[in-house]
Amino acid sequence: MVPEELAGAQPARDVCGVVSAFNPGPENVANVTWLLRFVEHVVVVDDGSPNDVSPALEEMERAGAVVIRLATNSGIARALNVGIKEAISRWNPEWVVTMDQDSRFTGDYVVSALATARNSHEPETVGMVCAESHNNIPLPTWATRTNPRSSIR
């Protein structure tokens, strides 16, 4: 459900969503439909699903997404890179939001992210935001001015 204050929100201009998918189902169609409320365009990359997922992918296309089907499973990084390349080729967006098929951010995420970039005194330092952990496993982090220790080696 979209929060009441965001019910009339318009998709952010010059922002494209790229979603990696593997064996997507109806719940993933709902996530893509949700994303299209907040970004101008969405590219879904099916990462070589072995099952027949045509109904879900066709429904995503009907919702307004561009769907690319990879012949073999190549991993989320390649799927997202293929989707980003397609988005740049079609629309050349200033910003790309990458997600997997199971993800759904809070309704004001895109607006807040754009406001952060717009209000930054050093916009070239605005970058990716990601989870601190996945499945209770800490993810690697880059060093920053305030945290000079990096877990990336």
Foldseek 3Di string as FASTA:
>chain_A
DAPPVCPPPAADPLEEEEEEEELDDPLLLVQLLLNVRHHVAYEYEDQQHPDPPVVSVVSNVVSPYHYHYDNHHDDDVVSRVVRVVVCCVPPNGPYYHYYYSNDHDHPCVVVVLVVCLVPDPCNVPRDDDDDQDDPPHGDWDDADPVRRDTPPD
